[in-house]
Amino acid sequence: MEKRTRRGMTLYLIVVCCCIIGLLAGISLFRQKGEKSKSEMEQKLEVQKEALEQLKEDEGEYNEKNIILSDTTKAEAEGLAESIGAKVRVTKNGKVAVLYLDGDKDIKQIYKNKKYLNYIGKMDPDYYGTLSSTSGIKGRSFTSLADNINLKDTWNQTKGSGTKIAVIDTGIDTDSKYLSSKISEKSFDATTGKVVSDYDISVVEERDQMTSHGTSVARTRL
């Protein structure tokens, strides 16, 4: 009888010890998860801080009403746009999108909102582009331009027949007999987001009347 009692006590102590060990392991795991979660939050807050500092430093160099979203998906971009209350344009592969903020919203407000901490690492300002000097380009012959970029050497390999190209520039002369019929309905003004198919070809009208840089570039590529 005494042996049975001892065995029972021993078994009881073993069970208690196992429970205590399990409890301690659970507490340790919980703490580790908590520390990991805290560390991740600290990293996100640091990214937010750096992003806001960069916005302040670059103020005036970007469009405050636009946000570039990279390494994304179509579903994620559209969901984020809906949450923010913004319009969105997504690339064909869905990896890059532009969010167009409405009303009094601007990129700083979005960056400051902790609701969007998970996205700040994917966000960038829509910086204004600047053109280098194009003095002397206007009025130059197509042959002269072709010679400058060794285009005739390329023609020995191919002339690119049937190839669709995109030109990011100052716009295009929509009255040009060479270009007007070749403007895609998908062309758009990156500063306003207006697409030719939604309006007309006037949205991509040449803006650089001094040098007609965009028109010259497009004409050279025909």
N, C-alpha and C. Protein backbone atom coordinates (compact mmCIF):
# COMPACT_ATOMS: atom_id res chain seq x y z
N MET A 1 0.84 -1.22 0.00
CA MET A 1 0.00 0.00 0.00
C MET A 1 0.86 1.26 0.00
N GLU A 2 1.93 1.22 0.81
CA GLU A 2 2.83 2.37 0.92
C GLU A 2 3.56 2.60 -0.40
N LYS A 3 3.94 1.49 -1.08
CA LYS A 3 4.64 1.59 -2.37
C LYS A 3 3.74 2.24 -3.43
N ARG A 4 2.47 1.82 -3.38
CA ARG A 4 1.51 2.40 -4.35
C ARG A 4 1.35 3.89 -4.14
N THR A 5 1.33 4.27 -2.84
CA THR A 5 1.18 5.69 -2.51
C THR A 5 2.38 6.48 -3.02
N ARG A 6 3.58 5.91 -2.82
CA ARG A 6 4.79 6.59 -3.29
C ARG A 6 4.81 6.72 -4.81
N ARG A 7 4.39 5.63 -5.45
CA ARG A 7 4.34 5.67 -6.92
C ARG A 7 3.34 6.72 -7.40
N GLY A 8 2.22 6.79 -6.69
CA GLY A 8 1.21 7.78 -7.05
C GLY A 8 1.72 9.20 -6.87
N MET A 9 2.46 9.40 -5.75
CA MET A 9 3.02 10.74 -5.49
C MET A 9 4.06 11.10 -6.54
N THR A 10 4.86 10.10 -6.86
CA THR A 10 5.89 10.33 -7.88
C THR A 10 5.26 10.71 -9.22
N LEU A 11 4.24 9.95 -9.60
CA LEU A 11 3.53 10.23 -10.85
C LEU A 11 2.89 11.61 -10.81
N TYR A 12 2.32 11.95 -9.67
CA TYR A 12 1.68 13.26 -9.49
C TYR A 12 2.71 14.38 -9.65
N LEU A 13 3.88 14.20 -9.03
CA LEU A 13 4.94 15.22 -9.12
C LEU A 13 5.44 15.38 -10.55
N ILE A 14 5.54 14.24 -11.24
CA ILE A 14 5.98 14.28 -12.64
C ILE A 14 4.99 15.08 -13.49
N VAL A 15 3.69 14.80 -13.28
CA VAL A 15 2.64 15.51 -14.01
C VAL A 15 2.69 16.99 -13.72
N VAL A 16 2.85 17.35 -12.42
CA VAL A 16 2.93 18.76 -12.01
C VAL A 16 4.12 19.44 -12.66
N CYS A 17 5.27 18.76 -12.64
CA CYS A 17 6.49 19.31 -13.24
C CYS A 17 6.31 19.55 -14.74
N CYS A 18 5.67 18.57 -15.39
CA CYS A 18 5.42 18.70 -16.83
C CYS A 18 4.51 19.90 -17.11
N CYS A 19 3.50 20.07 -16.27
CA CYS A 19 2.59 21.21 -16.44
C CYS A 19 3.31 22.54 -16.26
N ILE A 20 4.19 22.57 -15.22
CA ILE A 20 4.94 23.80 -14.96
C ILE A 20 5.88 24.12 -16.12
N ILE A 21 6.58 23.07 -16.61
CA ILE A 21 7.49 23.26 -17.75
C ILE A 21 6.74 23.74 -18.98
N GLY A 22 5.56 23.14 -19.21
CA GLY A 22 4.74 23.56 -20.35
C GLY A 22 4.28 24.99 -20.22
N LEU A 23 3.90 25.34 -19.00
CA LEU A 23 3.45 26.71 -18.73
C LEU A 23 4.57 27.71 -18.97
N LEU A 24 5.76 27.39 -18.45
CA LEU A 24 6.91 28.28 -18.63
C LEU A 24 7.29 28.41 -20.11
N ALA A 25 7.20 27.27 -20.82
CA ALA A 25 7.51 27.31 -22.25
C ALA A 25 6.51 28.18 -23.00
N GLY A 26 5.24 28.08 -22.60
CA GLY A 26 4.20 28.90 -23.23
C GLY A 26 4.41 30.37 -22.97
N ILE A 27 4.78 30.70 -21.73
CA ILE A 27 5.05 32.10 -21.37
C ILE A 27 6.23 32.64 -22.16
N SER A 28 7.28 31.80 -22.28
CA SER A 28 8.48 32.20 -23.02
C SER A 28 8.15 32.45 -24.50
N LEU A 29 7.35 31.55 -25.07
CA LEU A 29 6.96 31.69 -26.47
C LEU A 29 6.12 32.94 -26.68
N PHE A 30 5.21 33.19 -25.75
CA PHE A 30 4.36 34.38 -25.81
C PHE A 30 5.21 35.64 -25.77
N ARG A 31 6.22 35.64 -24.88
CA ARG A 31 7.09 36.80 -24.78
C ARG A 31 7.89 37.01 -26.05
N GLN A 32 8.38 35.90 -26.62
CA GLN A 32 9.16 35.99 -27.86
C GLN A 32 8.31 36.58 -28.99
N LYS A 33 7.07 36.11 -29.08
CA LYS A 33 6.17 36.64 -30.10
C LYS A 33 5.89 38.12 -29.87
N GLY A 34 5.71 38.47 -28.59
CA GLY A 34 5.46 39.87 -28.25
C GLY A 34 6.64 40.75 -28.61
N GLU A 35 7.87 40.24 -28.31
CA GLU A 35 9.09 41.00 -28.62
C GLU A 35 9.27 41.13 -30.13
N LYS A 36 8.96 40.05 -30.85
CA LYS A 36 9.07 40.07 -32.31
C LYS A 36 8.08 41.08 -32.89
N SER A 37 6.85 41.05 -32.37
CA SER A 37 5.82 41.96 -32.84
C SER A 37 6.22 43.41 -32.55
N LYS A 38 6.80 43.62 -31.36
CA LYS A 38 7.26 44.96 -30.98
C LYS A 38 8.38 45.41 -31.89
N SER A 39 9.30 44.50 -32.20
CA SER A 39 10.42 44.81 -33.07
C SER A 39 9.94 45.18 -34.47
N GLU A 40 8.97 44.43 -35.00
CA GLU A 40 8.42 44.70 -36.32
C GLU A 40 7.73 46.06 -36.35
N MET A 41 7.00 46.39 -35.28
CA MET A 41 6.33 47.68 -35.20
C MET A 41 7.36 48.81 -35.15
N GLU A 42 8.43 48.60 -34.39
CA GLU A 42 9.48 49.61 -34.30
C GLU A 42 10.12 49.85 -35.66
N GLN A 43 10.31 48.77 -36.43
CA GLN A 43 10.89 48.90 -37.76
C GLN A 43 9.95 49.68 -38.68
N LYS A 44 8.67 49.40 -38.59
CA LYS A 44 7.69 50.10 -39.42
C LYS A 44 7.65 51.59 -39.06
N LEU A 45 7.72 51.88 -37.77
CA LEU A 45 7.70 53.28 -37.32
C LEU A 45 8.97 54.01 -37.78
N GLU A 46 10.07 53.28 -37.82
CA GLU A 46 11.33 53.88 -38.29
C GLU A 46 11.24 54.19 -39.78
N VAL A 47 10.65 53.27 -40.54
CA VAL A 47 10.44 53.50 -41.98
C VAL A 47 9.54 54.70 -42.20
N GLN A 48 8.49 54.79 -41.38
CA GLN A 48 7.57 55.93 -41.47
C GLN A 48 8.30 57.24 -41.18
N LYS A 49 9.12 57.24 -40.13
CA LYS A 49 9.86 58.44 -39.76
C LYS A 49 10.79 58.88 -40.88
N GLU A 50 11.53 57.94 -41.45
CA GLU A 50 12.46 58.26 -42.53
C GLU A 50 11.72 58.77 -43.76
N ALA A 51 10.56 58.16 -44.06
CA ALA A 51 9.78 58.57 -45.22
C ALA A 51 9.26 60.00 -45.06
N LEU A 52 8.80 60.33 -43.86
CA LEU A 52 8.30 61.69 -43.59
C LEU A 52 9.44 62.71 -43.65
N GLU A 53 10.60 62.33 -43.16
CA GLU A 53 11.76 63.23 -43.22
C GLU A 53 12.17 63.48 -44.68
N GLN A 54 12.08 62.42 -45.50
CA GLN A 54 12.43 62.56 -46.91
C GLN A 54 11.44 63.46 -47.63
N LEU A 55 10.16 63.34 -47.29
CA LEU A 55 9.14 64.20 -47.87
C LEU A 55 9.42 65.66 -47.55
N LYS A 56 9.80 65.91 -46.30
CA LYS A 56 10.08 67.28 -45.87
C LYS A 56 11.30 67.82 -46.61
N GLU A 57 12.32 66.98 -46.75
CA GLU A 57 13.55 67.40 -47.42
C GLU A 57 13.32 67.70 -48.90
N ASP A 58 12.44 66.90 -49.54
CA ASP A 58 12.20 67.04 -50.98
C ASP A 58 10.97 67.87 -51.31
N GLU A 59 10.43 68.55 -50.33
CA GLU A 59 9.20 69.31 -50.53
C GLU A 59 9.32 70.24 -51.75
N GLY A 60 8.29 70.22 -52.58
CA GLY A 60 8.28 71.04 -53.78
C GLY A 60 8.80 70.30 -55.00
N GLU A 61 9.37 69.11 -54.80
CA GLU A 61 9.94 68.35 -55.90
C GLU A 61 9.03 67.21 -56.35
N TYR A 62 7.87 67.09 -55.73
CA TYR A 62 6.96 66.00 -56.06
C TYR A 62 5.51 66.49 -56.01
N ASN A 63 4.64 65.69 -56.62
CA ASN A 63 3.21 66.00 -56.63
C ASN A 63 2.60 65.43 -55.35
N GLU A 64 2.13 66.31 -54.47
CA GLU A 64 1.60 65.88 -53.17
C GLU A 64 0.30 65.08 -53.28
N LYS A 65 -0.33 65.12 -54.45
CA LYS A 65 -1.62 64.44 -54.62
C LYS A 65 -1.48 63.03 -55.22
N ASN A 66 -0.24 62.63 -55.52
CA ASN A 66 -0.01 61.32 -56.12
C ASN A 66 0.90 60.47 -55.25
N ILE A 67 0.71 59.15 -55.30
CA ILE A 67 1.60 58.21 -54.62
C ILE A 67 1.91 57.06 -55.57
N ILE A 68 3.20 56.74 -55.70
CA ILE A 68 3.61 55.60 -56.51
C ILE A 68 3.69 54.38 -55.60
N LEU A 69 3.02 53.31 -55.96
CA LEU A 69 3.00 52.08 -55.18
C LEU A 69 3.73 50.99 -55.96
N SER A 70 4.82 50.45 -55.40
CA SER A 70 5.62 49.44 -56.09
C SER A 70 5.51 48.08 -55.40
N ASP A 71 5.99 47.04 -56.11
CA ASP A 71 5.96 45.67 -55.56
C ASP A 71 4.59 45.33 -55.00
N THR A 72 3.57 45.62 -55.76
CA THR A 72 2.20 45.41 -55.30
C THR A 72 1.48 44.42 -56.20
N THR A 73 0.20 44.30 -56.02
CA THR A 73 -0.66 43.52 -56.90
C THR A 73 -1.87 44.38 -57.25
N LYS A 74 -2.57 43.99 -58.28
CA LYS A 74 -3.75 44.75 -58.69
C LYS A 74 -4.78 44.80 -57.56
N ALA A 75 -4.98 43.66 -56.91
CA ALA A 75 -5.96 43.59 -55.82
C ALA A 75 -5.54 44.47 -54.64
N GLU A 76 -4.25 44.42 -54.31
CA GLU A 76 -3.77 45.21 -53.18
C GLU A 76 -3.89 46.70 -53.48
N ALA A 77 -3.48 47.10 -54.69
CA ALA A 77 -3.52 48.51 -55.07
C ALA A 77 -4.96 49.04 -55.08
N GLU A 78 -5.86 48.26 -55.62
CA GLU A 78 -7.26 48.69 -55.68
C GLU A 78 -7.88 48.73 -54.28
N GLY A 79 -7.50 47.78 -53.44
CA GLY A 79 -8.01 47.77 -52.06
C GLY A 79 -7.50 48.96 -51.27
N LEU A 80 -6.23 49.29 -51.45
CA LEU A 80 -5.65 50.44 -50.76
C LEU A 80 -6.28 51.74 -51.25
N ALA A 81 -6.49 51.83 -52.56
CA ALA A 81 -7.11 53.03 -53.13
C ALA A 81 -8.51 53.23 -52.56
N GLU A 82 -9.25 52.13 -52.42
CA GLU A 82 -10.60 52.21 -51.87
C GLU A 82 -10.56 52.66 -50.41
N SER A 83 -9.58 52.14 -49.67
CA SER A 83 -9.45 52.51 -48.26
C SER A 83 -9.10 53.99 -48.09
N ILE A 84 -8.23 54.47 -48.95
CA ILE A 84 -7.80 55.87 -48.88
C ILE A 84 -8.86 56.80 -49.46
N GLY A 85 -9.63 56.28 -50.40
CA GLY A 85 -10.58 57.12 -51.13
C GLY A 85 -9.90 57.81 -52.28
N ALA A 86 -9.06 57.04 -53.01
CA ALA A 86 -8.28 57.60 -54.11
C ALA A 86 -8.60 56.86 -55.41
N LYS A 87 -8.27 57.51 -56.51
CA LYS A 87 -8.36 56.85 -57.81
C LYS A 87 -7.05 56.11 -58.02
N VAL A 88 -7.06 55.10 -58.87
CA VAL A 88 -5.85 54.30 -59.04
C VAL A 88 -5.64 53.91 -60.50
N ARG A 89 -4.38 53.88 -60.91
CA ARG A 89 -4.00 53.36 -62.22
C ARG A 89 -2.96 52.27 -61.96
N VAL A 90 -3.19 51.08 -62.51
CA VAL A 90 -2.31 49.94 -62.27
C VAL A 90 -1.68 49.49 -63.58
N THR A 91 -0.39 49.15 -63.54
CA THR A 91 0.27 48.66 -64.75
C THR A 91 -0.32 47.32 -65.16
N LYS A 92 -0.06 46.93 -66.38
CA LYS A 92 -0.64 45.71 -66.92
C LYS A 92 -0.26 44.48 -66.09
N ASN A 93 1.01 44.44 -65.59
CA ASN A 93 1.43 43.28 -64.80
C ASN A 93 1.02 43.40 -63.33
N GLY A 94 0.41 44.54 -62.97
CA GLY A 94 -0.11 44.72 -61.62
C GLY A 94 0.91 45.02 -60.55
N LYS A 95 2.18 45.19 -60.93
CA LYS A 95 3.24 45.36 -59.93
C LYS A 95 3.45 46.80 -59.50
N VAL A 96 3.00 47.74 -60.30
CA VAL A 96 3.17 49.16 -59.98
C VAL A 96 1.83 49.87 -60.18
N ALA A 97 1.54 50.81 -59.30
CA ALA A 97 0.29 51.57 -59.40
C ALA A 97 0.52 53.02 -59.00
N VAL A 98 -0.36 53.88 -59.48
CA VAL A 98 -0.33 55.28 -59.08
C VAL A 98 -1.65 55.60 -58.40
N LEU A 99 -1.58 56.13 -57.19
CA LEU A 99 -2.78 56.54 -56.46
C LEU A 99 -2.96 58.04 -56.61
N TYR A 100 -4.15 58.45 -57.02
CA TYR A 100 -4.46 59.87 -57.18
C TYR A 100 -5.38 60.29 -56.04
N LEU A 101 -4.85 61.08 -55.13
CA LEU A 101 -5.59 61.47 -53.93
C LEU A 101 -6.61 62.55 -54.22
N ASP A 102 -7.80 62.41 -53.65
CA ASP A 102 -8.89 63.37 -53.87
C ASP A 102 -8.99 64.35 -52.72
N GLY A 103 -9.73 65.42 -52.95
CA GLY A 103 -10.03 66.38 -51.89
C GLY A 103 -8.81 67.01 -51.27
N ASP A 104 -8.83 67.11 -49.94
CA ASP A 104 -7.73 67.75 -49.22
C ASP A 104 -6.67 66.76 -48.77
N LYS A 105 -6.76 65.51 -49.21
CA LYS A 105 -5.75 64.51 -48.84
C LYS A 105 -4.45 64.78 -49.58
N ASP A 106 -3.32 64.50 -48.93
CA ASP A 106 -2.04 64.57 -49.60
C ASP A 106 -1.15 63.45 -49.08
N ILE A 107 -0.01 63.27 -49.70
CA ILE A 107 0.86 62.15 -49.38
C ILE A 107 1.34 62.18 -47.93
N LYS A 108 1.54 63.35 -47.37
CA LYS A 108 1.99 63.46 -45.98
C LYS A 108 0.95 62.88 -45.02
N GLN A 109 -0.30 63.17 -45.27
CA GLN A 109 -1.37 62.66 -44.41
C GLN A 109 -1.41 61.14 -44.45
N ILE A 110 -1.20 60.58 -45.62
CA ILE A 110 -1.22 59.12 -45.76
C ILE A 110 -0.04 58.50 -45.02
N TYR A 111 1.13 59.12 -45.15
CA TYR A 111 2.33 58.61 -44.47
C TYR A 111 2.18 58.69 -42.95
N LYS A 112 1.51 59.71 -42.46
CA LYS A 112 1.36 59.90 -41.02
C LYS A 112 0.32 58.96 -40.41
N ASN A 113 -0.58 58.46 -41.22
CA ASN A 113 -1.65 57.60 -40.74
C ASN A 113 -1.12 56.19 -40.48
N LYS A 114 -1.13 55.76 -39.22
CA LYS A 114 -0.59 54.44 -38.84
C LYS A 114 -1.37 53.28 -39.47
N LYS A 115 -2.54 53.60 -39.97
CA LYS A 115 -3.35 52.59 -40.65
C LYS A 115 -2.62 52.05 -41.87
N TYR A 116 -1.72 52.87 -42.44
CA TYR A 116 -1.05 52.48 -43.68
C TYR A 116 0.43 52.17 -43.48
N LEU A 117 0.82 51.87 -42.23
CA LEU A 117 2.22 51.57 -41.93
C LEU A 117 2.75 50.41 -42.77
N ASN A 118 1.91 49.42 -43.02
CA ASN A 118 2.35 48.25 -43.78
C ASN A 118 2.66 48.56 -45.23
N TYR A 119 2.21 49.71 -45.71
CA TYR A 119 2.38 50.05 -47.12
C TYR A 119 3.46 51.08 -47.39
N ILE A 120 3.90 51.81 -46.35
CA ILE A 120 4.83 52.91 -46.56
C ILE A 120 6.12 52.45 -47.24
N GLY A 121 6.57 51.25 -46.92
CA GLY A 121 7.78 50.72 -47.55
C GLY A 121 7.63 50.52 -49.04
N LYS A 122 6.38 50.46 -49.51
CA LYS A 122 6.12 50.28 -50.94
C LYS A 122 5.79 51.60 -51.64
N MET A 123 5.66 52.66 -50.85
CA MET A 123 5.21 53.94 -51.39
C MET A 123 6.39 54.86 -51.71
N ASP A 124 6.21 55.65 -52.75
CA ASP A 124 7.19 56.68 -53.12
C ASP A 124 6.44 57.90 -53.63
N PRO A 125 7.04 59.08 -53.46
CA PRO A 125 6.42 60.29 -54.02
C PRO A 125 6.49 60.25 -55.54
N ASP A 126 5.60 60.95 -56.18
CA ASP A 126 5.60 61.09 -57.64
C ASP A 126 6.41 62.34 -57.97
N TYR A 127 7.72 62.16 -58.13
CA TYR A 127 8.61 63.30 -58.35
C TYR A 127 8.41 63.94 -59.72
N TYR A 128 8.57 65.25 -59.75
CA TYR A 128 8.49 65.97 -61.01
C TYR A 128 9.75 65.67 -61.83
N GLY A 129 9.57 65.47 -63.12
CA GLY A 129 10.71 65.26 -64.00
C GLY A 129 11.19 66.58 -64.58
N THR A 130 12.45 66.65 -64.90
CA THR A 130 12.99 67.85 -65.54
C THR A 130 13.71 67.44 -66.81
N LEU A 131 13.61 68.28 -67.81
CA LEU A 131 14.24 68.00 -69.10
C LEU A 131 15.58 68.70 -69.18
N SER A 132 16.55 68.03 -69.79
CA SER A 132 17.83 68.68 -70.03
C SER A 132 17.66 69.64 -71.20
N SER A 133 18.63 70.48 -71.40
CA SER A 133 18.54 71.48 -72.45
C SER A 133 18.40 70.83 -73.82
N THR A 134 17.49 71.34 -74.62
CA THR A 134 17.29 70.82 -75.98
C THR A 134 17.52 71.92 -77.00
N SER A 135 18.31 72.91 -76.61
CA SER A 135 18.58 74.04 -77.48
C SER A 135 19.13 73.57 -78.82
N GLY A 136 18.53 74.07 -79.88
CA GLY A 136 19.01 73.76 -81.22
C GLY A 136 18.35 72.57 -81.85
N ILE A 137 17.51 71.85 -81.10
CA ILE A 137 16.86 70.66 -81.66
C ILE A 137 15.78 71.03 -82.66
N LYS A 138 14.99 72.04 -82.35
CA LYS A 138 13.86 72.38 -83.21
C LYS A 138 14.36 72.78 -84.60
N GLY A 139 13.72 72.24 -85.60
CA GLY A 139 14.04 72.60 -86.97
C GLY A 139 15.12 71.73 -87.60
N ARG A 140 15.75 70.87 -86.82
CA ARG A 140 16.79 70.02 -87.40
C ARG A 140 16.13 68.91 -88.20
N SER A 141 16.79 68.49 -89.26
CA SER A 141 16.21 67.50 -90.15
C SER A 141 16.22 66.12 -89.50
N PHE A 142 15.31 65.29 -89.97
CA PHE A 142 15.23 63.92 -89.45
C PHE A 142 16.54 63.18 -89.73
N THR A 143 17.13 63.41 -90.88
CA THR A 143 18.38 62.75 -91.25
C THR A 143 19.50 63.10 -90.27
N SER A 144 19.53 64.37 -89.88
CA SER A 144 20.54 64.82 -88.92
C SER A 144 20.36 64.14 -87.58
N LEU A 145 19.12 64.06 -87.11
CA LEU A 145 18.83 63.40 -85.83
C LEU A 145 19.17 61.92 -85.90
N ALA A 146 18.84 61.27 -87.01
CA ALA A 146 19.10 59.85 -87.18
C ALA A 146 20.59 59.56 -87.17
N ASP A 147 21.36 60.44 -87.77
CA ASP A 147 22.81 60.27 -87.79
C ASP A 147 23.39 60.40 -86.39
N ASN A 148 22.84 61.33 -85.60
CA ASN A 148 23.36 61.57 -84.26
C ASN A 148 23.24 60.36 -83.34
N ILE A 149 22.21 59.57 -83.52
CA ILE A 149 22.01 58.39 -82.65
C ILE A 149 22.32 57.08 -83.37
N ASN A 150 23.05 57.18 -84.50
CA ASN A 150 23.46 56.00 -85.26
C ASN A 150 22.28 55.11 -85.64
N LEU A 151 21.16 55.74 -85.94
CA LEU A 151 19.96 54.98 -86.25
C LEU A 151 20.11 54.19 -87.55
N LYS A 152 20.87 54.75 -88.48
CA LYS A 152 21.02 54.08 -89.77
C LYS A 152 21.79 52.76 -89.64
N ASP A 153 22.70 52.71 -88.66
CA ASP A 153 23.41 51.46 -88.42
C ASP A 153 22.46 50.40 -87.89
N THR A 154 21.52 50.83 -87.05
CA THR A 154 20.53 49.91 -86.50
C THR A 154 19.64 49.36 -87.60
N TRP A 155 19.34 50.18 -88.58
CA TRP A 155 18.47 49.75 -89.68
C TRP A 155 19.05 48.59 -90.47
N ASN A 156 20.36 48.36 -90.37
CA ASN A 156 20.95 47.22 -91.05
C ASN A 156 20.48 45.90 -90.43
N GLN A 157 20.02 46.00 -89.15
CA GLN A 157 19.52 44.82 -88.45
C GLN A 157 17.99 44.74 -88.51
N THR A 158 17.34 45.84 -88.21
CA THR A 158 15.88 45.88 -88.24
C THR A 158 15.39 47.31 -88.26
N LYS A 159 14.21 47.51 -88.79
CA LYS A 159 13.58 48.83 -88.76
C LYS A 159 12.39 48.84 -87.81
N GLY A 160 12.24 47.76 -87.07
CA GLY A 160 11.21 47.72 -86.03
C GLY A 160 9.79 47.76 -86.56
N SER A 161 9.57 47.26 -87.73
CA SER A 161 8.23 47.30 -88.32
C SER A 161 7.22 46.57 -87.44
N GLY A 162 6.09 47.25 -87.15
CA GLY A 162 5.03 46.64 -86.36
C GLY A 162 5.25 46.69 -84.86
N THR A 163 6.35 47.30 -84.43
CA THR A 163 6.65 47.37 -83.00
C THR A 163 5.99 48.58 -82.37
N LYS A 164 5.33 48.37 -81.24
CA LYS A 164 4.71 49.48 -80.51
C LYS A 164 5.72 50.03 -79.51
N ILE A 165 5.84 51.34 -79.45
CA ILE A 165 6.77 51.96 -78.51
C ILE A 165 6.05 53.01 -77.67
N ALA A 166 6.67 53.37 -76.55
CA ALA A 166 6.12 54.42 -75.70
C ALA A 166 7.16 55.53 -75.57
N VAL A 167 6.71 56.76 -75.63
CA VAL A 167 7.59 57.91 -75.48
C VAL A 167 7.13 58.72 -74.28
N ILE A 168 8.02 58.90 -73.32
CA ILE A 168 7.71 59.72 -72.14
C ILE A 168 8.43 61.04 -72.32
N ASP A 169 7.67 62.08 -72.61
CA ASP A 169 8.31 63.35 -72.94
C ASP A 169 7.34 64.51 -72.74
N THR A 170 7.57 65.58 -73.47
CA THR A 170 6.79 66.81 -73.26
C THR A 170 5.44 66.82 -73.97
N GLY A 171 5.13 65.75 -74.68
CA GLY A 171 3.88 65.71 -75.43
C GLY A 171 4.17 65.47 -76.91
N ILE A 172 3.19 65.71 -77.74
CA ILE A 172 3.36 65.43 -79.17
C ILE A 172 2.49 66.38 -79.99
N ASP A 173 2.98 66.72 -81.16
CA ASP A 173 2.21 67.59 -82.06
C ASP A 173 1.06 66.76 -82.64
N THR A 174 -0.13 66.95 -82.12
CA THR A 174 -1.28 66.14 -82.54
C THR A 174 -1.79 66.51 -83.93
N ASP A 175 -1.25 67.57 -84.52
CA ASP A 175 -1.64 67.97 -85.88
C ASP A 175 -0.67 67.44 -86.91
N SER A 176 0.40 66.80 -86.45
CA SER A 176 1.41 66.29 -87.37
C SER A 176 0.85 65.19 -88.26
N LYS A 177 1.09 65.30 -89.56
CA LYS A 177 0.57 64.28 -90.49
C LYS A 177 1.30 62.95 -90.30
N TYR A 178 2.47 62.99 -89.68
CA TYR A 178 3.22 61.76 -89.45
C TYR A 178 2.82 61.07 -88.15
N LEU A 179 2.31 61.85 -87.20
CA LEU A 179 2.10 61.32 -85.85
C LEU A 179 0.64 61.18 -85.42
N SER A 180 -0.22 62.04 -85.92
CA SER A 180 -1.60 62.10 -85.41
C SER A 180 -2.34 60.77 -85.49
N SER A 181 -2.07 60.00 -86.53
CA SER A 181 -2.78 58.72 -86.69
C SER A 181 -2.13 57.58 -85.92
N LYS A 182 -1.00 57.87 -85.27
CA LYS A 182 -0.26 56.82 -84.59
C LYS A 182 -0.32 56.95 -83.07
N ILE A 183 -1.15 57.85 -82.57
CA ILE A 183 -1.26 58.06 -81.13
C ILE A 183 -2.24 57.05 -80.55
N SER A 184 -1.78 56.22 -79.64
CA SER A 184 -2.61 55.19 -79.03
C SER A 184 -3.67 55.81 -78.13
N GLU A 185 -4.84 55.20 -78.09
CA GLU A 185 -5.91 55.67 -77.21
C GLU A 185 -5.57 55.45 -75.73
N LYS A 186 -4.49 54.66 -75.50
CA LYS A 186 -4.04 54.42 -74.13
C LYS A 186 -3.04 55.47 -73.67
N SER A 187 -2.63 56.36 -74.58
CA SER A 187 -1.70 57.42 -74.19
C SER A 187 -2.34 58.31 -73.14
N PHE A 188 -1.53 58.83 -72.23
CA PHE A 188 -2.11 59.67 -71.18
C PHE A 188 -1.14 60.73 -70.70
N ASP A 189 -1.69 61.75 -70.08
CA ASP A 189 -0.91 62.82 -69.48
C ASP A 189 -0.57 62.41 -68.05
N ALA A 190 0.71 62.15 -67.78
CA ALA A 190 1.12 61.66 -66.46
C ALA A 190 0.91 62.70 -65.37
N THR A 191 0.79 63.95 -65.72
CA THR A 191 0.61 64.98 -64.69
C THR A 191 -0.84 65.12 -64.24
N THR A 192 -1.77 64.71 -65.09
CA THR A 192 -3.19 64.83 -64.75
C THR A 192 -3.89 63.48 -64.66
N GLY A 193 -3.28 62.46 -65.27
CA GLY A 193 -3.90 61.14 -65.28
C GLY A 193 -4.95 60.98 -66.37
N LYS A 194 -5.14 62.02 -67.20
CA LYS A 194 -6.15 61.94 -68.25
C LYS A 194 -5.68 61.04 -69.39
N VAL A 195 -6.57 60.15 -69.84
CA VAL A 195 -6.25 59.20 -70.89
C VAL A 195 -6.96 59.61 -72.18
N VAL A 196 -6.28 59.40 -73.31
CA VAL A 196 -6.84 59.77 -74.61
C VAL A 196 -8.20 59.14 -74.83
N SER A 197 -8.34 57.86 -74.45
CA SER A 197 -9.60 57.15 -74.67
C SER A 197 -10.77 57.78 -73.91
N ASP A 198 -10.46 58.45 -72.78
CA ASP A 198 -11.52 59.08 -71.97
C ASP A 198 -11.80 60.51 -72.41
N TYR A 199 -10.84 61.12 -73.09
CA TYR A 199 -11.01 62.51 -73.53
C TYR A 199 -10.78 62.58 -75.04
N ASP A 200 -9.64 63.03 -75.46
CA ASP A 200 -9.24 63.04 -76.87
C ASP A 200 -7.73 63.24 -76.92
N ILE A 201 -7.16 63.29 -78.11
CA ILE A 201 -5.70 63.35 -78.21
C ILE A 201 -5.12 64.68 -77.72
N SER A 202 -5.98 65.64 -77.44
CA SER A 202 -5.48 66.94 -76.97
C SER A 202 -4.79 66.81 -75.60
N VAL A 203 -5.08 65.73 -74.84
CA VAL A 203 -4.47 65.59 -73.51
C VAL A 203 -2.97 65.34 -73.60
N VAL A 204 -2.49 64.91 -74.80
CA VAL A 204 -1.05 64.67 -74.95
C VAL A 204 -0.42 65.70 -75.89
N GLU A 205 -1.08 66.84 -76.06
CA GLU A 205 -0.57 67.89 -76.93
C GLU A 205 0.80 68.38 -76.45
N GLU A 206 1.69 68.66 -77.40
CA GLU A 206 3.04 69.14 -77.11
C GLU A 206 3.00 70.38 -76.21
N ARG A 207 3.76 70.33 -75.12
CA ARG A 207 3.80 71.45 -74.19
C ARG A 207 5.04 72.34 -74.37
N ASP A 208 6.09 71.75 -74.92
CA ASP A 208 7.33 72.51 -75.09
C ASP A 208 7.33 73.18 -76.46
N GLN A 209 6.73 74.35 -76.52
CA GLN A 209 6.60 75.06 -77.79
C GLN A 209 7.92 75.64 -78.28
N MET A 210 8.90 75.75 -77.38
CA MET A 210 10.20 76.31 -77.76
C MET A 210 11.03 75.31 -78.57
N THR A 211 11.06 74.08 -78.14
CA THR A 211 11.92 73.08 -78.80
C THR A 211 11.14 71.92 -79.41
N SER A 212 9.87 71.76 -79.02
CA SER A 212 9.05 70.62 -79.47
C SER A 212 9.80 69.31 -79.24
N HIS A 213 10.37 69.18 -78.05
CA HIS A 213 11.23 68.04 -77.75
C HIS A 213 10.49 66.71 -77.89
N GLY A 214 9.29 66.62 -77.29
CA GLY A 214 8.54 65.37 -77.36
C GLY A 214 8.21 64.97 -78.78
N THR A 215 7.83 65.95 -79.58
CA THR A 215 7.51 65.68 -80.98
C THR A 215 8.74 65.21 -81.74
N SER A 216 9.88 65.86 -81.50
CA SER A 216 11.12 65.48 -82.17
C SER A 216 11.51 64.04 -81.83
N VAL A 217 11.39 63.69 -80.54
CA VAL A 217 11.74 62.34 -80.10
C VAL A 217 10.82 61.31 -80.75
N ALA A 218 9.53 61.60 -80.75
CA ALA A 218 8.55 60.67 -81.34
C ALA A 218 8.78 60.53 -82.84
N ARG A 219 9.06 61.64 -83.50
CA ARG A 219 9.26 61.62 -84.96
C ARG A 219 10.50 60.81 -85.32
N THR A 220 11.55 60.93 -84.49
CA THR A 220 12.78 60.20 -84.75
C THR A 220 12.57 58.69 -84.67
N ARG A 221 11.60 58.29 -83.85
CA ARG A 221 11.39 56.86 -83.63
C ARG A 221 10.45 56.21 -84.65
N LEU A 222 9.91 56.98 -85.55
CA LEU A 222 9.03 56.40 -86.56
C LEU A 222 9.84 55.59 -87.58
